[in-house]
Amino acid sequence: MNAGTVDLNIRNGVASVVFDRPQARNAMTWAMYERLGHICEQLQADASVRVVTFRGAGGEAFVAGSDIEQFTTFRSGDDGVAYEQQIDQCIQKLEALPMPTVAVVEGWAIGGGLAIATACDFRLATPTSRFGVPIARTLGNCLSVANLARLAAVFGIPRVKRMLMLAETLEANEALHCGFLLQLRDAGEIDAALTSLCKRLCALAPVTQSVSKEGLRRLVSQSQLADEDLIRRCYGSEDFREGGAAVLGLKSHHGATAHCQHSGLRAMQT
């Protein structure tokens, strides 16, 4: 399995983070999550950085979740608890960055990819982008309460129920109209829109930006209640074991590319 990379480049006060595993729609491996956490720690301490952007390589996906093959080692609900805590710690580091953050979505932002984009302050996307957490149709696992709180804060509970309980994916226009997206731009225009937004953010007071986003983060965090019992119940279930086996069986039968395209997201991981 290609472990993929998460690359960082800093130029003129703008840090660019790229999820680079395009052959797997930038699905995150454990190593990629670990690298993302380290990058966030580095940026947290770098006062020269005014804006951080996040983007997927290849132009077809932002991040298509966590790689499903990694879940084959899970043996109990405790493995699920450890996994969700690991992801939460990584997302929390991104969310706690003191400077403005921007996700650039081209294509799929699914599961863990949607969580990463949601933890950013602003999101730009192309019209063909799609957003969702179709785990009720794929693995049969769940999200942590921390990630549920983030999603509910930007999408509203009714849309989150559609994504989780009906396995629906939202189109870019709906994500724009509900306020999740700041702008929609065609693929050929999104780089210019990103440059313009970064210049605008860099020209404003950094202390006000930092204090404002931390205050808002604390408001959302108030709804993050205990969830280990829920996660343990889900990851320890027969549904989760059967879901992983079914998805991986489909992948081996049809091949990775067909698997990713099958009936709108059979391959879009958690």
C-alpha atoms as a PDB file:
ATOM      1  CA  MET A   1       0.000   0.000   0.000  1.00  0.00           C
ATOM      2  CA  ASN A   2       1.329   3.414  -1.006  1.00  0.00           C
ATOM      3  CA  ALA A   3       1.469   5.339   2.281  1.00  0.00           C
ATOM      4  CA  GLY A   4       1.194   8.727   0.593  1.00  0.00           C
ATOM      5  CA  THR A   5       2.644  12.008   1.832  1.00  0.00           C
ATOM      6  CA  VAL A   6       1.492  15.306   3.283  1.00  0.00           C
ATOM      7  CA  ASP A   7       3.701  18.073   1.938  1.00  0.00           C
ATOM      8  CA  LEU A   8       4.311  21.559   3.334  1.00  0.00           C
ATOM      9  CA  ASN A   9       5.576  24.628   1.503  1.00  0.00           C
ATOM     10  CA  ILE A  10       5.817  28.118   3.032  1.00  0.00           C
ATOM     11  CA  ARG A  11       6.145  31.223   0.879  1.00  0.00           C
ATOM     12  CA  ASN A  12       5.475  34.878   1.633  1.00  0.00           C
ATOM     13  CA  GLY A  13       3.574  34.135   4.814  1.00  0.00           C
ATOM     14  CA  VAL A  14       1.304  31.504   3.235  1.00  0.00           C
ATOM     15  CA  ALA A  15       1.757  27.843   4.177  1.00  0.00           C
ATOM     16  CA  SER A  16       0.476  25.356   1.578  1.00  0.00           C
ATOM     17  CA  VAL A  17      -0.317  21.818   2.756  1.00  0.00           C
ATOM     18  CA  VAL A  18      -0.969  19.171   0.079  1.00  0.00           C
ATOM     19  CA  PHE A  19      -2.378  15.674   0.638  1.00  0.00           C
ATOM     20  CA  ASP A  20      -0.495  13.676  -1.980  1.00  0.00           C
ATOM     21  CA  ARG A  21      -1.879  10.232  -2.722  1.00  0.00           C
ATOM     22  CA  PRO A  22      -3.894  10.847  -5.893  1.00  0.00           C
ATOM     23  CA  GLN A  23      -4.011   7.203  -6.998  1.00  0.00           C
ATOM     24  CA  ALA A  24      -6.211   6.555  -3.946  1.00  0.00           C
ATOM     25  CA  ARG A  25      -8.160   9.832  -4.110  1.00  0.00           C
ATOM     26  CA  ASN A  26      -5.809  11.081  -1.338  1.00  0.00           C
ATOM     27  CA  ALA A  27      -7.314   8.653   1.190  1.00  0.00           C
ATOM     28  CA  MET A  28      -5.409   9.128   4.438  1.00  0.00           C
ATOM     29  CA  THR A  29      -3.082   6.511   5.892  1.00  0.00           C
ATOM     30  CA  TRP A  30      -1.979   6.506   9.534  1.00  0.00           C
ATOM     31  CA  ALA A  31       1.378   7.923   8.402  1.00  0.00           C
ATOM     32  CA  MET A  32      -0.373  10.794   6.606  1.00  0.00           C
ATOM     33  CA  TYR A  33      -2.432  11.656   9.697  1.00  0.00           C
ATOM     34  CA  GLU A  34       0.742  11.586  11.796  1.00  0.00           C
ATOM     35  CA  ARG A  35       2.526  13.851   9.316  1.00  0.00           C
ATOM     36  CA  LEU A  36      -0.428  16.260   9.283  1.00  0.00           C
ATOM     37  CA  GLY A  37      -0.265  16.467  13.072  1.00  0.00           C
ATOM     38  CA  HIS A  38       3.460  17.263  12.970  1.00  0.00           C
ATOM     39  CA  ILE A  39       2.906  19.952  10.329  1.00  0.00           C
ATOM     40  CA  CYS A  40       0.228  21.585  12.472  1.00  0.00           C
ATOM     41  CA  GLU A  41       2.589  21.575  15.457  1.00  0.00           C
ATOM     42  CA  GLN A  42       5.269  23.243  13.304  1.00  0.00           C
ATOM     43  CA  LEU A  43       2.853  25.885  12.019  1.00  0.00           C
ATOM     44  CA  GLN A  44       1.484  26.557  15.501  1.00  0.00           C
ATOM     45  CA  ALA A  45       4.938  27.819  16.480  1.00  0.00           C
ATOM     46  CA  ASP A  46       5.685  29.780  13.291  1.00  0.00           C
ATOM     47  CA  ALA A  47       4.657  33.423  13.744  1.00  0.00           C
ATOM     48  CA  SER A  48       5.684  34.259  10.170  1.00  0.00           C
ATOM     49  CA  VAL A  49       2.786  32.239   8.740  1.00  0.00           C
ATOM     50  CA  ARG A  50      -0.371  34.313   8.227  1.00  0.00           C
ATOM     51  CA  VAL A  51      -2.574  31.817   6.334  1.00  0.00           C
ATOM     52  CA  VAL A  52      -2.561  28.036   5.844  1.00  0.00           C
ATOM     53  CA  THR A  53      -4.142  26.354   2.821  1.00  0.00           C
ATOM     54  CA  PHE A  54      -5.023  22.656   2.508  1.00  0.00           C
ATOM     55  CA  ARG A  55      -5.498  20.881  -0.819  1.00  0.00           C
ATOM     56  CA  GLY A  56      -5.554  17.419  -2.356  1.00  0.00           C
ATOM     57  CA  ALA A  57      -3.221  16.416  -5.192  1.00  0.00           C
ATOM     58  CA  GLY A  58      -4.525  15.345  -8.564  1.00  0.00           C
ATOM     59  CA  GLY A  59      -7.601  17.561  -8.887  1.00  0.00           C
ATOM     60  CA  GLU A  60     -10.101  14.704  -8.367  1.00  0.00           C
ATOM     61  CA  ALA A  61     -10.419  14.712  -4.582  1.00  0.00           C
ATOM     62  CA  PHE A  62      -9.581  16.744  -1.516  1.00  0.00           C
ATOM     63  CA  VAL A  63      -9.378  13.677   0.738  1.00  0.00           C
ATOM     64  CA  ALA A  64     -11.531  10.571   0.279  1.00  0.00           C
ATOM     65  CA  GLY A  65     -11.455   9.595   3.950  1.00  0.00           C
ATOM     66  CA  SER A  66      -9.201   7.110   5.708  1.00  0.00           C
ATOM     67  CA  ASP A  67      -7.878   4.126   3.780  1.00  0.00           C
ATOM     68  CA  ILE A  68     -10.236   1.220   4.435  1.00  0.00           C
ATOM     69  CA  GLU A  69      -7.519  -1.438   4.295  1.00  0.00           C
ATOM     70  CA  GLN A  70      -6.121  -0.156   7.586  1.00  0.00           C
ATOM     71  CA  PHE A  71      -9.274  -1.261   9.412  1.00  0.00           C
ATOM     72  CA  THR A  72      -8.586  -4.951   8.725  1.00  0.00           C
ATOM     73  CA  THR A  73      -6.385  -5.025  11.848  1.00  0.00           C
ATOM     74  CA  PHE A  74      -9.261  -3.956  14.140  1.00  0.00           C
ATOM     75  CA  ARG A  75     -10.375  -6.699  16.521  1.00  0.00           C
ATOM     76  CA  SER A  76     -12.650  -4.937  19.019  1.00  0.00           C
ATOM     77  CA  GLY A  77     -14.494  -1.762  19.835  1.00  0.00           C
ATOM     78  CA  ASP A  78     -11.428  -0.563  21.746  1.00  0.00           C
ATOM     79  CA  ASP A  79      -9.550  -0.369  18.430  1.00  0.00           C
ATOM     80  CA  GLY A  80     -12.247   1.978  17.192  1.00  0.00           C
ATOM     81  CA  VAL A  81     -11.969   4.154  20.289  1.00  0.00           C
ATOM     82  CA  ALA A  82      -8.180   4.418  19.829  1.00  0.00           C
ATOM     83  CA  TYR A  83      -8.614   5.266  16.131  1.00  0.00           C
ATOM     84  CA  GLU A  84     -11.208   7.993  16.714  1.00  0.00           C
ATOM     85  CA  GLN A  85      -9.057   9.500  19.479  1.00  0.00           C
ATOM     86  CA  GLN A  86      -6.061   9.553  17.131  1.00  0.00           C
ATOM     87  CA  ILE A  87      -8.076  11.296  14.415  1.00  0.00           C
ATOM     88  CA  ASP A  88      -9.564  13.746  16.934  1.00  0.00           C
ATOM     89  CA  GLN A  89      -6.103  14.719  18.171  1.00  0.00           C
ATOM     90  CA  CYS A  90      -4.979  15.433  14.606  1.00  0.00           C
ATOM     91  CA  ILE A  91      -8.103  17.434  13.711  1.00  0.00           C
ATOM     92  CA  GLN A  92      -7.858  19.376  16.978  1.00  0.00           C
ATOM     93  CA  LYS A  93      -4.303  20.461  16.109  1.00  0.00           C
ATOM     94  CA  LEU A  94      -5.509  21.728  12.741  1.00  0.00           C
ATOM     95  CA  GLU A  95      -8.541  23.449  14.254  1.00  0.00           C
ATOM     96  CA  ALA A  96      -6.391  25.123  16.937  1.00  0.00           C
ATOM     97  CA  LEU A  97      -4.015  26.785  14.476  1.00  0.00           C
ATOM     98  CA  PRO A  98      -3.981  30.490  15.403  1.00  0.00           C
ATOM     99  CA  MET A  99      -3.966  31.781  11.822  1.00  0.00           C
ATOM    100  CA  PRO A 100      -6.808  31.539   9.245  1.00  0.00           C
ATOM    101  CA  THR A 101      -7.038  28.242   7.377  1.00  0.00           C
ATOM    102  CA  VAL A 102      -8.513  27.575   3.939  1.00  0.00           C
ATOM    103  CA  ALA A 103      -9.498  24.234   2.391  1.00  0.00           C
ATOM    104  CA  VAL A 104      -9.492  24.057  -1.414  1.00  0.00           C
ATOM    105  CA  VAL A 105     -11.837  21.260  -2.488  1.00  0.00           C
ATOM    106  CA  GLU A 106     -11.695  19.825  -5.994  1.00  0.00           C
ATOM    107  CA  GLY A 107     -13.838  16.710  -6.184  1.00  0.00           C
ATOM    108  CA  TRP A 108     -14.610  14.504  -3.206  1.00  0.00           C
ATOM    109  CA  ALA A 109     -14.352  15.588   0.440  1.00  0.00           C
ATOM    110  CA  ILE A 110     -15.570  12.468   2.197  1.00  0.00           C
ATOM    111  CA  GLY A 111     -15.502  11.171   5.784  1.00  0.00           C
ATOM    112  CA  GLY A 112     -12.172  12.132   7.311  1.00  0.00           C
ATOM    113  CA  GLY A 113     -11.631  14.488   4.384  1.00  0.00           C
ATOM    114  CA  LEU A 114     -14.855  16.286   5.222  1.00  0.00           C
ATOM    115  CA  ALA A 115     -13.711  16.491   8.852  1.00  0.00           C
ATOM    116  CA  ILE A 116     -10.433  18.121   7.781  1.00  0.00           C
ATOM    117  CA  ALA A 117     -12.218  20.619   5.530  1.00  0.00           C
ATOM    118  CA  THR A 118     -14.752  21.388   8.264  1.00  0.00           C
ATOM    119  CA  ALA A 119     -11.975  22.120  10.765  1.00  0.00           C
ATOM    120  CA  CYS A 120     -10.712  24.860   8.436  1.00  0.00           C
ATOM    121  CA  ASP A 121     -12.052  28.403   8.713  1.00  0.00           C
ATOM    122  CA  PHE A 122     -12.952  28.849   5.037  1.00  0.00           C
ATOM    123  CA  ARG A 123     -13.598  26.561   2.095  1.00  0.00           C
ATOM    124  CA  LEU A 124     -13.382  27.119  -1.661  1.00  0.00           C
ATOM    125  CA  ALA A 125     -14.646  24.459  -4.041  1.00  0.00           C
ATOM    126  CA  THR A 126     -15.293  23.618  -7.665  1.00  0.00           C
ATOM    127  CA  PRO A 127     -18.889  23.060  -8.858  1.00  0.00           C
ATOM    128  CA  THR A 128     -18.358  19.314  -9.214  1.00  0.00           C
ATOM    129  CA  SER A 129     -17.237  18.866  -5.600  1.00  0.00           C
ATOM    130  CA  ARG A 130     -19.197  16.540  -3.331  1.00  0.00           C
ATOM    131  CA  PHE A 131     -19.395  16.311   0.457  1.00  0.00           C
ATOM    132  CA  GLY A 132     -20.510  13.448   2.660  1.00  0.00           C
ATOM    133  CA  VAL A 133     -19.961  10.671   5.184  1.00  0.00           C
ATOM    134  CA  PRO A 134     -21.476   7.571   3.522  1.00  0.00           C
ATOM    135  CA  ILE A 135     -20.307   5.147   6.208  1.00  0.00           C
ATOM    136  CA  ALA A 136     -23.809   3.708   6.667  1.00  0.00           C
ATOM    137  CA  ARG A 137     -23.363   2.297   3.147  1.00  0.00           C
ATOM    138  CA  THR A 138     -19.671   1.387   3.362  1.00  0.00           C
ATOM    139  CA  LEU A 139     -17.949   0.434   6.630  1.00  0.00           C
ATOM    140  CA  GLY A 140     -20.803   0.756   9.107  1.00  0.00           C
ATOM    141  CA  ASN A 141     -18.654   2.660  11.594  1.00  0.00           C
ATOM    142  CA  CYS A 142     -19.272   6.083  13.177  1.00  0.00           C
ATOM    143  CA  LEU A 143     -17.831   9.531  13.878  1.00  0.00           C
ATOM    144  CA  SER A 144     -16.698  10.931  17.199  1.00  0.00           C
ATOM    145  CA  VAL A 145     -18.935  13.435  18.947  1.00  0.00           C
ATOM    146  CA  ALA A 146     -16.233  16.074  18.381  1.00  0.00           C
ATOM    147  CA  ASN A 147     -16.536  15.648  14.621  1.00  0.00           C
ATOM    148  CA  LEU A 148     -20.325  15.519  14.838  1.00  0.00           C
ATOM    149  CA  ALA A 149     -20.264  18.852  16.660  1.00  0.00           C
ATOM    150  CA  ARG A 150     -18.101  20.426  13.951  1.00  0.00           C
ATOM    151  CA  LEU A 151     -20.346  19.150  11.172  1.00  0.00           C
ATOM    152  CA  ALA A 152     -23.530  20.253  12.944  1.00  0.00           C
ATOM    153  CA  ALA A 153     -22.084  23.739  13.502  1.00  0.00           C
ATOM    154  CA  VAL A 154     -21.596  24.359   9.781  1.00  0.00           C
ATOM    155  CA  PHE A 155     -24.203  22.146   8.081  1.00  0.00           C
ATOM    156  CA  GLY A 156     -26.986  22.001  10.697  1.00  0.00           C
ATOM    157  CA  ILE A 157     -28.266  18.778  12.257  1.00  0.00           C
ATOM    158  CA  PRO A 158     -30.819  17.924   9.521  1.00  0.00           C
ATOM    159  CA  ARG A 159     -28.129  17.848   6.812  1.00  0.00           C
ATOM    160  CA  VAL A 160     -25.755  15.881   9.030  1.00  0.00           C
ATOM    161  CA  LYS A 161     -28.507  13.294   9.556  1.00  0.00           C
ATOM    162  CA  ARG A 162     -28.921  13.036   5.800  1.00  0.00           C
ATOM    163  CA  MET A 163     -25.188  12.467   5.347  1.00  0.00           C
ATOM    164  CA  LEU A 164     -24.874   9.922   8.166  1.00  0.00           C
ATOM    165  CA  MET A 165     -28.226   8.145   8.377  1.00  0.00           C
ATOM    166  CA  LEU A 166     -29.177   8.201   4.677  1.00  0.00           C
ATOM    167  CA  ALA A 167     -25.589   8.107   3.344  1.00  0.00           C
ATOM    168  CA  GLU A 168     -26.340  11.101   1.107  1.00  0.00           C
ATOM    169  CA  THR A 169     -23.644  13.252  -0.428  1.00  0.00           C
ATOM    170  CA  LEU A 170     -24.278  16.969  -0.780  1.00  0.00           C
ATOM    171  CA  GLU A 171     -23.615  18.777  -4.033  1.00  0.00           C
ATOM    172  CA  ALA A 172     -21.498  21.915  -4.123  1.00  0.00           C
ATOM    173  CA  ASN A 173     -24.441  24.281  -4.630  1.00  0.00           C
ATOM    174  CA  GLU A 174     -26.152  23.087  -1.455  1.00  0.00           C
ATOM    175  CA  ALA A 175     -22.881  23.350   0.481  1.00  0.00           C
ATOM    176  CA  LEU A 176     -22.552  26.929  -0.764  1.00  0.00           C
ATOM    177  CA  HIS A 177     -26.116  27.924   0.090  1.00  0.00           C
ATOM    178  CA  CYS A 178     -25.932  26.577   3.647  1.00  0.00           C
ATOM    179  CA  GLY A 179     -22.747  28.588   4.283  1.00  0.00           C
ATOM    180  CA  PHE A 180     -20.284  25.703   4.372  1.00  0.00           C
ATOM    181  CA  LEU A 181     -18.473  27.047   1.308  1.00  0.00           C
ATOM    182  CA  LEU A 182     -17.234  30.598   0.987  1.00  0.00           C
ATOM    183  CA  GLN A 183     -17.026  30.482  -2.812  1.00  0.00           C
ATOM    184  CA  LEU A 184     -17.597  28.204  -5.792  1.00  0.00           C
ATOM    185  CA  ARG A 185     -15.150  28.616  -8.654  1.00  0.00           C
ATOM    186  CA  ASP A 186     -14.461  26.667 -11.833  1.00  0.00           C
ATOM    187  CA  ALA A 187     -11.260  24.627 -11.822  1.00  0.00           C
ATOM    188  CA  GLY A 188      -9.497  27.197 -13.976  1.00  0.00           C
ATOM    189  CA  GLU A 189     -10.430  30.043 -11.632  1.00  0.00           C
ATOM    190  CA  ILE A 190      -9.941  28.544  -8.191  1.00  0.00           C
ATOM    191  CA  ASP A 191      -6.207  29.313  -7.927  1.00  0.00           C
ATOM    192  CA  ALA A 192      -6.844  33.013  -8.533  1.00  0.00           C
ATOM    193  CA  ALA A 193      -9.686  32.972  -6.005  1.00  0.00           C
ATOM    194  CA  LEU A 194      -7.398  31.343  -3.438  1.00  0.00           C
ATOM    195  CA  THR A 195      -4.645  33.898  -4.040  1.00  0.00           C
ATOM    196  CA  SER A 196      -7.124  36.750  -3.633  1.00  0.00           C
ATOM    197  CA  LEU A 197      -8.526  35.306  -0.402  1.00  0.00           C
ATOM    198  CA  CYS A 198      -5.050  34.771   1.070  1.00  0.00           C
ATOM    199  CA  LYS A 199      -4.069  38.370   0.289  1.00  0.00           C
ATOM    200  CA  ARG A 200      -7.264  39.596   1.928  1.00  0.00           C
ATOM    201  CA  LEU A 201      -6.664  37.522   5.049  1.00  0.00           C
ATOM    202  CA  CYS A 202      -3.011  38.548   5.302  1.00  0.00           C
ATOM    203  CA  ALA A 203      -3.981  42.238   5.233  1.00  0.00           C
ATOM    204  CA  LEU A 204      -6.156  42.007   8.376  1.00  0.00           C
ATOM    205  CA  ALA A 205      -5.305  42.055  12.083  1.00  0.00           C
ATOM    206  CA  PRO A 206      -3.851  38.642  13.056  1.00  0.00           C
ATOM    207  CA  VAL A 207      -4.647  38.973  16.782  1.00  0.00           C
ATOM    208  CA  THR A 208      -8.321  39.661  16.065  1.00  0.00           C
ATOM    209  CA  GLN A 209      -8.415  36.714  13.667  1.00  0.00           C
ATOM    210  CA  SER A 210      -6.750  34.385  16.176  1.00  0.00           C
ATOM    211  CA  VAL A 211      -8.872  35.389  19.180  1.00  0.00           C
ATOM    212  CA  SER A 212     -12.090  35.286  17.167  1.00  0.00           C
ATOM    213  CA  LYS A 213     -11.509  31.788  15.800  1.00  0.00           C
ATOM    214  CA  GLU A 214     -10.471  30.460  19.231  1.00  0.00           C
ATOM    215  CA  GLY A 215     -13.606  31.915  20.819  1.00  0.00           C
ATOM    216  CA  LEU A 216     -15.773  30.270  18.166  1.00  0.00           C
ATOM    217  CA  ARG A 217     -13.896  26.981  18.606  1.00  0.00           C
ATOM    218  CA  ARG A 218     -14.691  27.052  22.327  1.00  0.00           C
ATOM    219  CA  LEU A 219     -18.384  27.584  21.591  1.00  0.00           C
ATOM    220  CA  VAL A 220     -18.461  24.466  19.394  1.00  0.00           C
ATOM    221  CA  SER A 221     -16.392  22.436  21.863  1.00  0.00           C
ATOM    222  CA  GLN A 222     -19.031  22.900  24.567  1.00  0.00           C
ATOM    223  CA  SER A 223     -21.183  20.305  22.785  1.00  0.00           C
ATOM    224  CA  GLN A 224     -18.423  17.679  22.683  1.00  0.00           C
ATOM    225  CA  LEU A 225     -19.641  15.148  25.231  1.00  0.00           C
ATOM    226  CA  ALA A 226     -18.371  11.684  26.184  1.00  0.00           C
ATOM    227  CA  ASP A 227     -18.661   9.208  23.315  1.00  0.00           C
ATOM    228  CA  GLU A 228     -16.481   6.143  23.994  1.00  0.00           C
ATOM    229  CA  ASP A 229     -19.517   3.940  24.664  1.00  0.00           C
ATOM    230  CA  LEU A 230     -20.998   4.842  21.281  1.00  0.00           C
ATOM    231  CA  ILE A 231     -17.737   4.344  19.376  1.00  0.00           C
ATOM    232  CA  ARG A 232     -17.016   1.036  21.128  1.00  0.00           C
ATOM    233  CA  ARG A 233     -20.515  -0.235  20.324  1.00  0.00           C
ATOM    234  CA  CYS A 234     -20.144   0.648  16.639  1.00  0.00           C
ATOM    235  CA  TYR A 235     -16.598  -0.585  15.974  1.00  0.00           C
ATOM    236  CA  GLY A 236     -17.226  -3.735  17.991  1.00  0.00           C
ATOM    237  CA  SER A 237     -20.316  -4.647  15.996  1.00  0.00           C
ATOM    238  CA  GLU A 238     -20.829  -7.352  13.394  1.00  0.00           C
ATOM    239  CA  ASP A 239     -22.057  -4.618  11.029  1.00  0.00           C
ATOM    240  CA  PHE A 240     -18.603  -3.003  11.073  1.00  0.00           C
ATOM    241  CA  ARG A 241     -16.795  -6.305  10.453  1.00  0.00           C
ATOM    242  CA  GLU A 242     -19.122  -7.235   7.599  1.00  0.00           C
ATOM    243  CA  GLY A 243     -18.966  -3.733   6.102  1.00  0.00           C
ATOM    244  CA  GLY A 244     -15.179  -3.695   5.889  1.00  0.00           C
ATOM    245  CA  ALA A 245     -15.060  -7.181   4.391  1.00  0.00           C
ATOM    246  CA  ALA A 246     -17.718  -6.302   1.809  1.00  0.00           C
ATOM    247  CA  VAL A 247     -16.015  -3.094   0.675  1.00  0.00           C
ATOM    248  CA  LEU A 248     -12.566  -4.670   0.432  1.00  0.00           C
ATOM    249  CA  GLY A 249     -14.056  -7.656  -1.405  1.00  0.00           C
ATOM    250  CA  LEU A 250     -15.621  -5.316  -3.938  1.00  0.00           C
ATOM    251  CA  LYS A 251     -12.297  -3.540  -4.372  1.00  0.00           C
ATOM    252  CA  SER A 252     -10.370  -6.740  -5.074  1.00  0.00           C
ATOM    253  CA  HIS A 253     -13.027  -7.915  -7.513  1.00  0.00           C
ATOM    254  CA  HIS A 254     -13.421  -4.751  -9.576  1.00  0.00           C
ATOM    255  CA  GLY A 255     -10.062  -3.054  -9.073  1.00  0.00           C
ATOM    256  CA  ALA A 256      -9.265   0.169  -7.288  1.00  0.00           C
ATOM    257  CA  THR A 257     -10.542   2.574  -9.962  1.00  0.00           C
ATOM    258  CA  ALA A 258     -13.869   0.858 -10.495  1.00  0.00           C
ATOM    259  CA  HIS A 259     -14.214   0.525  -6.739  1.00  0.00           C
ATOM    260  CA  CYS A 260     -13.833   4.269  -6.279  1.00  0.00           C
ATOM    261  CA  GLN A 261     -16.518   4.984  -8.872  1.00  0.00           C
ATOM    262  CA  HIS A 262     -19.032   2.311  -7.901  1.00  0.00           C
ATOM    263  CA  SER A 263     -22.542   3.675  -7.267  1.00  0.00           C
ATOM    264  CA  GLY A 264     -21.353   6.987  -5.960  1.00  0.00           C
ATOM    265  CA  LEU A 265     -18.866   6.291  -3.265  1.00  0.00           C
ATOM    266  CA  ARG A 266     -18.603   2.656  -2.376  1.00  0.00           C
ATOM    267  CA  ALA A 267     -14.926   3.496  -2.010  1.00  0.00           C
ATOM    268  CA  MET A 268     -15.265   6.740  -0.135  1.00  0.00           C
ATOM    269  CA  GLN A 269     -13.813   5.876   3.193  1.00  0.00           C
ATOM    270  CA  THR A 270     -14.532   7.051   6.698  1.00  0.00           C
END
